[in-house]
Amino acid sequence: MTTQDDNSNQPGDESNSPNSSAGPTLEEVTADRDRWKTLSRQNETNYNSTRTELHQLQESQQAALETAKSEGRASALEEISTDLVTAELRLQAAGAGAELPNLSFLDLSRFTGDDKRPNPDAVKSFIESLPKQVSSGSAFPQIAGASHNKGANSEFSSINPDDLADYIAGGVFL
């Protein structure tokens, strides 16, 4: 008489054998692990090379941006350098009391520095070489009727209030 346990372990029955229900073999698992390790290393290598390439592109882009900025500044300064030099010349000439010649006859580029900005030392030396304006007397204009006016009518030269009142009453003074 056989029991169920005896029937389950009979040698001809492969459906209940331990090998068929255990899954993949050690060699298969090892091969699968090695395949995933290889793929992981390839992905890591690809990531590192892509990251390095990205950093290089960012650095070259930053360098190109800085170059473009400096070229733009230089171009803008080159365009307005004559205006800046003209303004500097007029400012220093007014401060020194010198009279500027016609600026169209001057080489304004000799008043700029290497950075295309006005060179204050060159402008100052030029302004100092110019003749000073001739003053026409005092700094303030003479106002008729204020104090003693030498250029007015010679009939009245006194600042005495009584004389002034008599002069005004006579109708000669407005």
C-alpha atoms as a PDB file:
ATOM      1  CA  MET A   1       0.000   0.000   0.000  1.00  0.00           C
ATOM      2  CA  THR A   2       1.282   3.371  -0.890  1.00  0.00           C
ATOM      3  CA  THR A   3       0.574   6.671   0.715  1.00  0.00           C
ATOM      4  CA  GLN A   4       0.466  10.024  -0.838  1.00  0.00           C
ATOM      5  CA  ASP A   5       3.923  10.824   0.389  1.00  0.00           C
ATOM      6  CA  ASP A   6       5.286   7.853  -1.389  1.00  0.00           C
ATOM      7  CA  ASN A   7       3.617   8.857  -4.628  1.00  0.00           C
ATOM      8  CA  SER A   8       5.024  12.389  -4.512  1.00  0.00           C
ATOM      9  CA  ASN A   9       8.641  11.228  -4.538  1.00  0.00           C
ATOM     10  CA  GLN A  10       8.552   8.596  -7.205  1.00  0.00           C
ATOM     11  CA  PRO A  11      11.578   8.675  -9.496  1.00  0.00           C
ATOM     12  CA  GLY A  12       9.730   8.851 -12.824  1.00  0.00           C
ATOM     13  CA  ASP A  13       7.642  11.903 -11.896  1.00  0.00           C
ATOM     14  CA  GLU A  14       9.440  15.123 -12.947  1.00  0.00           C
ATOM     15  CA  SER A  15       6.632  17.549 -12.213  1.00  0.00           C
ATOM     16  CA  ASN A  16       7.384  17.436  -8.521  1.00  0.00           C
ATOM     17  CA  SER A  17      11.167  17.421  -8.702  1.00  0.00           C
ATOM     18  CA  PRO A  18      13.095  20.082  -6.723  1.00  0.00           C
ATOM     19  CA  ASN A  19      14.986  21.355  -9.824  1.00  0.00           C
ATOM     20  CA  SER A  20      11.921  22.395 -11.777  1.00  0.00           C
ATOM     21  CA  SER A  21      10.397  24.562  -9.031  1.00  0.00           C
ATOM     22  CA  ALA A  22      13.673  26.120  -7.791  1.00  0.00           C
ATOM     23  CA  GLY A  23      14.052  28.623 -10.690  1.00  0.00           C
ATOM     24  CA  PRO A  24      17.229  29.685 -12.563  1.00  0.00           C
ATOM     25  CA  THR A  25      20.519  28.071 -11.896  1.00  0.00           C
ATOM     26  CA  LEU A  26      23.540  29.702 -10.253  1.00  0.00           C
ATOM     27  CA  GLU A  27      25.238  30.174 -13.609  1.00  0.00           C
ATOM     28  CA  GLU A  28      22.194  31.951 -15.034  1.00  0.00           C
ATOM     29  CA  VAL A  29      21.923  34.270 -12.041  1.00  0.00           C
ATOM     30  CA  THR A  30      25.643  35.036 -12.167  1.00  0.00           C
ATOM     31  CA  ALA A  31      25.446  35.770 -15.908  1.00  0.00           C
ATOM     32  CA  ASP A  32      22.408  38.010 -15.376  1.00  0.00           C
ATOM     33  CA  ARG A  33      24.194  39.875 -12.555  1.00  0.00           C
ATOM     34  CA  ASP A  34      27.296  40.353 -14.693  1.00  0.00           C
ATOM     35  CA  ARG A  35      25.186  41.639 -17.582  1.00  0.00           C
ATOM     36  CA  TRP A  36      23.514  44.262 -15.322  1.00  0.00           C
ATOM     37  CA  LYS A  37      26.867  45.272 -13.841  1.00  0.00           C
ATOM     38  CA  THR A  38      28.234  45.794 -17.329  1.00  0.00           C
ATOM     39  CA  LEU A  39      25.202  47.876 -18.347  1.00  0.00           C
ATOM     40  CA  SER A  40      25.459  49.915 -15.149  1.00  0.00           C
ATOM     41  CA  ARG A  41      29.158  50.634 -15.769  1.00  0.00           C
ATOM     42  CA  GLN A  42      28.410  51.641 -19.364  1.00  0.00           C
ATOM     43  CA  ASN A  43      25.665  54.000 -18.188  1.00  0.00           C
ATOM     44  CA  GLU A  44      27.964  55.490 -15.574  1.00  0.00           C
ATOM     45  CA  THR A  45      30.713  55.986 -18.171  1.00  0.00           C
ATOM     46  CA  ASN A  46      28.216  57.597 -20.569  1.00  0.00           C
ATOM     47  CA  TYR A  47      26.925  59.864 -17.792  1.00  0.00           C
ATOM     48  CA  ASN A  48      30.437  60.961 -16.777  1.00  0.00           C
ATOM     49  CA  SER A  49      31.494  61.692 -20.364  1.00  0.00           C
ATOM     50  CA  THR A  50      28.267  63.606 -21.035  1.00  0.00           C
ATOM     51  CA  ARG A  51      28.663  65.575 -17.816  1.00  0.00           C
ATOM     52  CA  THR A  52      32.264  66.449 -18.719  1.00  0.00           C
ATOM     53  CA  GLU A  53      31.187  67.525 -22.187  1.00  0.00           C
ATOM     54  CA  LEU A  54      28.407  69.649 -20.681  1.00  0.00           C
ATOM     55  CA  HIS A  55      30.860  71.395 -18.334  1.00  0.00           C
ATOM     56  CA  GLN A  56      33.216  72.085 -21.239  1.00  0.00           C
ATOM     57  CA  LEU A  57      30.375  73.524 -23.316  1.00  0.00           C
ATOM     58  CA  GLN A  58      29.224  75.692 -20.413  1.00  0.00           C
ATOM     59  CA  GLU A  59      32.752  77.013 -19.899  1.00  0.00           C
ATOM     60  CA  SER A  60      33.201  77.786 -23.592  1.00  0.00           C
ATOM     61  CA  GLN A  61      29.772  79.429 -23.662  1.00  0.00           C
ATOM     62  CA  GLN A  62      30.693  81.569 -20.647  1.00  0.00           C
ATOM     63  CA  ALA A  63      33.988  82.550 -22.285  1.00  0.00           C
ATOM     64  CA  ALA A  64      32.172  83.457 -25.522  1.00  0.00           C
ATOM     65  CA  LEU A  65      29.672  85.518 -23.547  1.00  0.00           C
ATOM     66  CA  GLU A  66      32.433  87.448 -21.772  1.00  0.00           C
ATOM     67  CA  THR A  67      34.197  88.040 -25.092  1.00  0.00           C
ATOM     68  CA  ALA A  68      30.983  89.335 -26.643  1.00  0.00           C
ATOM     69  CA  LYS A  69      30.393  91.650 -23.674  1.00  0.00           C
ATOM     70  CA  SER A  70      33.888  93.126 -23.870  1.00  0.00           C
ATOM     71  CA  GLU A  71      33.621  93.554 -27.655  1.00  0.00           C
ATOM     72  CA  GLY A  72      30.268  95.288 -27.218  1.00  0.00           C
ATOM     73  CA  ARG A  73      31.676  97.652 -24.599  1.00  0.00           C
ATOM     74  CA  ALA A  74      34.678  98.435 -26.777  1.00  0.00           C
ATOM     75  CA  SER A  75      32.468  99.063 -29.799  1.00  0.00           C
ATOM     76  CA  ALA A  76      30.136 101.352 -27.855  1.00  0.00           C
ATOM     77  CA  LEU A  77      33.037 103.303 -26.372  1.00  0.00           C
ATOM     78  CA  GLU A  78      34.625 103.629 -29.792  1.00  0.00           C
ATOM     79  CA  GLU A  79      31.418 105.110 -31.179  1.00  0.00           C
ATOM     80  CA  ILE A  80      30.977 107.665 -28.398  1.00  0.00           C
ATOM     81  CA  SER A  81      34.628 108.350 -27.580  1.00  0.00           C
ATOM     82  CA  THR A  82      34.720 111.552 -29.642  1.00  0.00           C
ATOM     83  CA  ASP A  83      31.622 112.839 -27.844  1.00  0.00           C
ATOM     84  CA  LEU A  84      33.175 112.035 -24.474  1.00  0.00           C
ATOM     85  CA  VAL A  85      36.444 113.741 -25.438  1.00  0.00           C
ATOM     86  CA  THR A  86      34.559 116.804 -26.692  1.00  0.00           C
ATOM     87  CA  ALA A  87      32.645 117.045 -23.421  1.00  0.00           C
ATOM     88  CA  GLU A  88      35.847 116.647 -21.401  1.00  0.00           C
ATOM     89  CA  LEU A  89      37.594 119.339 -23.451  1.00  0.00           C
ATOM     90  CA  ARG A  90      34.734 121.784 -22.997  1.00  0.00           C
ATOM     91  CA  LEU A  91      34.473 121.039 -19.286  1.00  0.00           C
ATOM     92  CA  GLN A  92      38.155 121.570 -18.586  1.00  0.00           C
ATOM     93  CA  ALA A  93      38.332 124.629 -20.852  1.00  0.00           C
ATOM     94  CA  ALA A  94      35.433 126.249 -19.020  1.00  0.00           C
ATOM     95  CA  GLY A  95      37.046 125.467 -15.678  1.00  0.00           C
ATOM     96  CA  ALA A  96      40.395 126.893 -16.757  1.00  0.00           C
ATOM     97  CA  GLY A  97      38.925 129.914 -18.492  1.00  0.00           C
ATOM     98  CA  ALA A  98      40.465 128.984 -21.830  1.00  0.00           C
ATOM     99  CA  GLU A  99      38.895 129.442 -25.225  1.00  0.00           C
ATOM    100  CA  LEU A 100      38.705 126.279 -27.322  1.00  0.00           C
ATOM    101  CA  PRO A 101      39.538 126.364 -31.017  1.00  0.00           C
ATOM    102  CA  ASN A 102      37.198 124.810 -33.553  1.00  0.00           C
ATOM    103  CA  LEU A 103      37.143 121.112 -32.563  1.00  0.00           C
ATOM    104  CA  SER A 104      36.649 119.933 -36.140  1.00  0.00           C
ATOM    105  CA  PHE A 105      40.318 120.753 -36.765  1.00  0.00           C
ATOM    106  CA  LEU A 106      41.560 118.671 -33.820  1.00  0.00           C
ATOM    107  CA  ASP A 107      42.488 114.994 -33.863  1.00  0.00           C
ATOM    108  CA  LEU A 108      40.281 113.937 -30.961  1.00  0.00           C
ATOM    109  CA  SER A 109      41.671 110.392 -30.980  1.00  0.00           C
ATOM    110  CA  ARG A 110      44.899 111.635 -29.367  1.00  0.00           C
ATOM    111  CA  PHE A 111      42.878 112.584 -26.278  1.00  0.00           C
ATOM    112  CA  THR A 112      41.629 109.017 -25.741  1.00  0.00           C
ATOM    113  CA  GLY A 113      43.369 106.326 -23.737  1.00  0.00           C
ATOM    114  CA  ASP A 114      43.855 102.667 -24.583  1.00  0.00           C
ATOM    115  CA  ASP A 115      40.401 101.910 -23.226  1.00  0.00           C
ATOM    116  CA  LYS A 116      38.815 104.478 -25.606  1.00  0.00           C
ATOM    117  CA  ARG A 117      37.863 106.734 -22.687  1.00  0.00           C
ATOM    118  CA  PRO A 118      39.014 110.357 -22.466  1.00  0.00           C
ATOM    119  CA  ASN A 119      42.519 110.737 -21.065  1.00  0.00           C
ATOM    120  CA  PRO A 120      42.230 113.579 -18.521  1.00  0.00           C
ATOM    121  CA  ASP A 121      45.985 114.185 -18.459  1.00  0.00           C
ATOM    122  CA  ALA A 122      46.200 114.687 -22.231  1.00  0.00           C
ATOM    123  CA  VAL A 123      43.162 116.970 -22.172  1.00  0.00           C
ATOM    124  CA  LYS A 124      44.580 118.963 -19.250  1.00  0.00           C
ATOM    125  CA  SER A 125      47.949 119.466 -20.935  1.00  0.00           C
ATOM    126  CA  PHE A 126      46.189 120.667 -24.099  1.00  0.00           C
ATOM    127  CA  ILE A 127      43.932 123.049 -22.173  1.00  0.00           C
ATOM    128  CA  GLU A 128      46.937 124.478 -20.312  1.00  0.00           C
ATOM    129  CA  SER A 129      48.628 125.211 -23.645  1.00  0.00           C
ATOM    130  CA  LEU A 130      45.669 127.309 -24.829  1.00  0.00           C
ATOM    131  CA  PRO A 131      45.587 131.089 -24.284  1.00  0.00           C
ATOM    132  CA  LYS A 132      43.340 132.270 -21.513  1.00  0.00           C
ATOM    133  CA  GLN A 133      40.296 134.400 -22.280  1.00  0.00           C
ATOM    134  CA  VAL A 134      40.850 138.113 -21.898  1.00  0.00           C
ATOM    135  CA  SER A 135      38.539 139.474 -19.243  1.00  0.00           C
ATOM    136  CA  SER A 136      36.721 142.715 -19.954  1.00  0.00           C
ATOM    137  CA  GLY A 137      37.013 144.135 -16.467  1.00  0.00           C
ATOM    138  CA  SER A 138      35.213 142.974 -13.401  1.00  0.00           C
ATOM    139  CA  ALA A 139      33.423 139.705 -13.143  1.00  0.00           C
ATOM    140  CA  PHE A 140      30.035 141.419 -12.774  1.00  0.00           C
ATOM    141  CA  PRO A 141      28.480 143.754 -15.324  1.00  0.00           C
ATOM    142  CA  GLN A 142      27.977 147.382 -14.384  1.00  0.00           C
ATOM    143  CA  ILE A 143      24.329 148.119 -13.737  1.00  0.00           C
ATOM    144  CA  ALA A 144      23.159 151.658 -14.473  1.00  0.00           C
ATOM    145  CA  GLY A 145      21.643 153.318 -11.413  1.00  0.00           C
ATOM    146  CA  ALA A 146      23.358 151.152  -8.858  1.00  0.00           C
ATOM    147  CA  SER A 147      25.810 153.168  -6.790  1.00  0.00           C
ATOM    148  CA  HIS A 148      28.143 155.475  -8.649  1.00  0.00           C
ATOM    149  CA  ASN A 149      27.966 154.823 -12.375  1.00  0.00           C
ATOM    150  CA  LYS A 150      30.967 156.252 -14.173  1.00  0.00           C
ATOM    151  CA  GLY A 151      29.661 155.383 -17.587  1.00  0.00           C
ATOM    152  CA  ALA A 152      26.408 157.313 -17.144  1.00  0.00           C
ATOM    153  CA  ASN A 153      25.611 160.981 -17.666  1.00  0.00           C
ATOM    154  CA  SER A 154      28.323 163.137 -16.116  1.00  0.00           C
ATOM    155  CA  GLU A 155      25.794 165.648 -14.719  1.00  0.00           C
ATOM    156  CA  PHE A 156      25.168 163.598 -11.638  1.00  0.00           C
ATOM    157  CA  SER A 157      28.076 161.976  -9.809  1.00  0.00           C
ATOM    158  CA  SER A 158      27.109 162.321  -6.163  1.00  0.00           C
ATOM    159  CA  ILE A 159      25.624 159.593  -3.998  1.00  0.00           C
ATOM    160  CA  ASN A 160      24.320 162.052  -1.404  1.00  0.00           C
ATOM    161  CA  PRO A 161      20.580 161.274  -0.834  1.00  0.00           C
ATOM    162  CA  ASP A 162      19.618 164.967  -0.920  1.00  0.00           C
ATOM    163  CA  ASP A 163      21.350 165.483  -4.242  1.00  0.00           C
ATOM    164  CA  LEU A 164      19.796 162.336  -5.597  1.00  0.00           C
ATOM    165  CA  ALA A 165      16.290 163.425  -4.532  1.00  0.00           C
ATOM    166  CA  ASP A 166      16.778 166.806  -6.202  1.00  0.00           C
ATOM    167  CA  TYR A 167      18.011 165.091  -9.352  1.00  0.00           C
ATOM    168  CA  ILE A 168      15.034 162.731  -9.445  1.00  0.00           C
ATOM    169  CA  ALA A 169      12.563 165.556  -8.787  1.00  0.00           C
ATOM    170  CA  GLY A 170      13.983 167.450 -11.690  1.00  0.00           C
ATOM    171  CA  GLY A 171      12.603 164.785 -14.011  1.00  0.00           C
ATOM    172  CA  VAL A 172      15.921 163.921 -15.563  1.00  0.00           C
ATOM    173  CA  PHE A 173      16.190 160.578 -13.793  1.00  0.00           C
ATOM    174  CA  LEU A 174      13.745 157.836 -14.629  1.00  0.00           C
END
